[in-house]
Amino acid sequence: MRKTAMMAVAAIMFAPLMAQAGGPSKANSAKAIASAAARIKIAAGMNDQWLATLAAFKAANAAQAKGDFALAQSKAMTAATLANLSIQQASAQKKLWVNEVIK
């Protein structure tokens, strides 16, 4: 159920990105992969990486290598969205943890 909800949120977030990014091409998929890599690096720096993010990023790179640019772009956007969500989670947890500290 939770996975389905996350995929629905990701699909809603991707609609404007797909329209903005243009059609699938080697250049567009490479840009999407580079963007995902940057977001993943930020998430890693916050010590909050999700396995699903890395799996989507790996799938994007594999699709790019095979020449399936549409799939590569889609998987890269998924990875970028998941990385953004993990960054948001890490930021929220950083602010909220003080509520859990025993005083």
Foldseek 3Di string as FASTA:
>chain_A
DVVVVLVVVLVVVCVVVDVVLDDFDLVSLVVLLVLLVVLQVVLVVLVFDDPLLVVLSVQLVVCSVVVVRRSNNVSSSVSSVRSVVRVVVSVVCVVPVVVVDDD
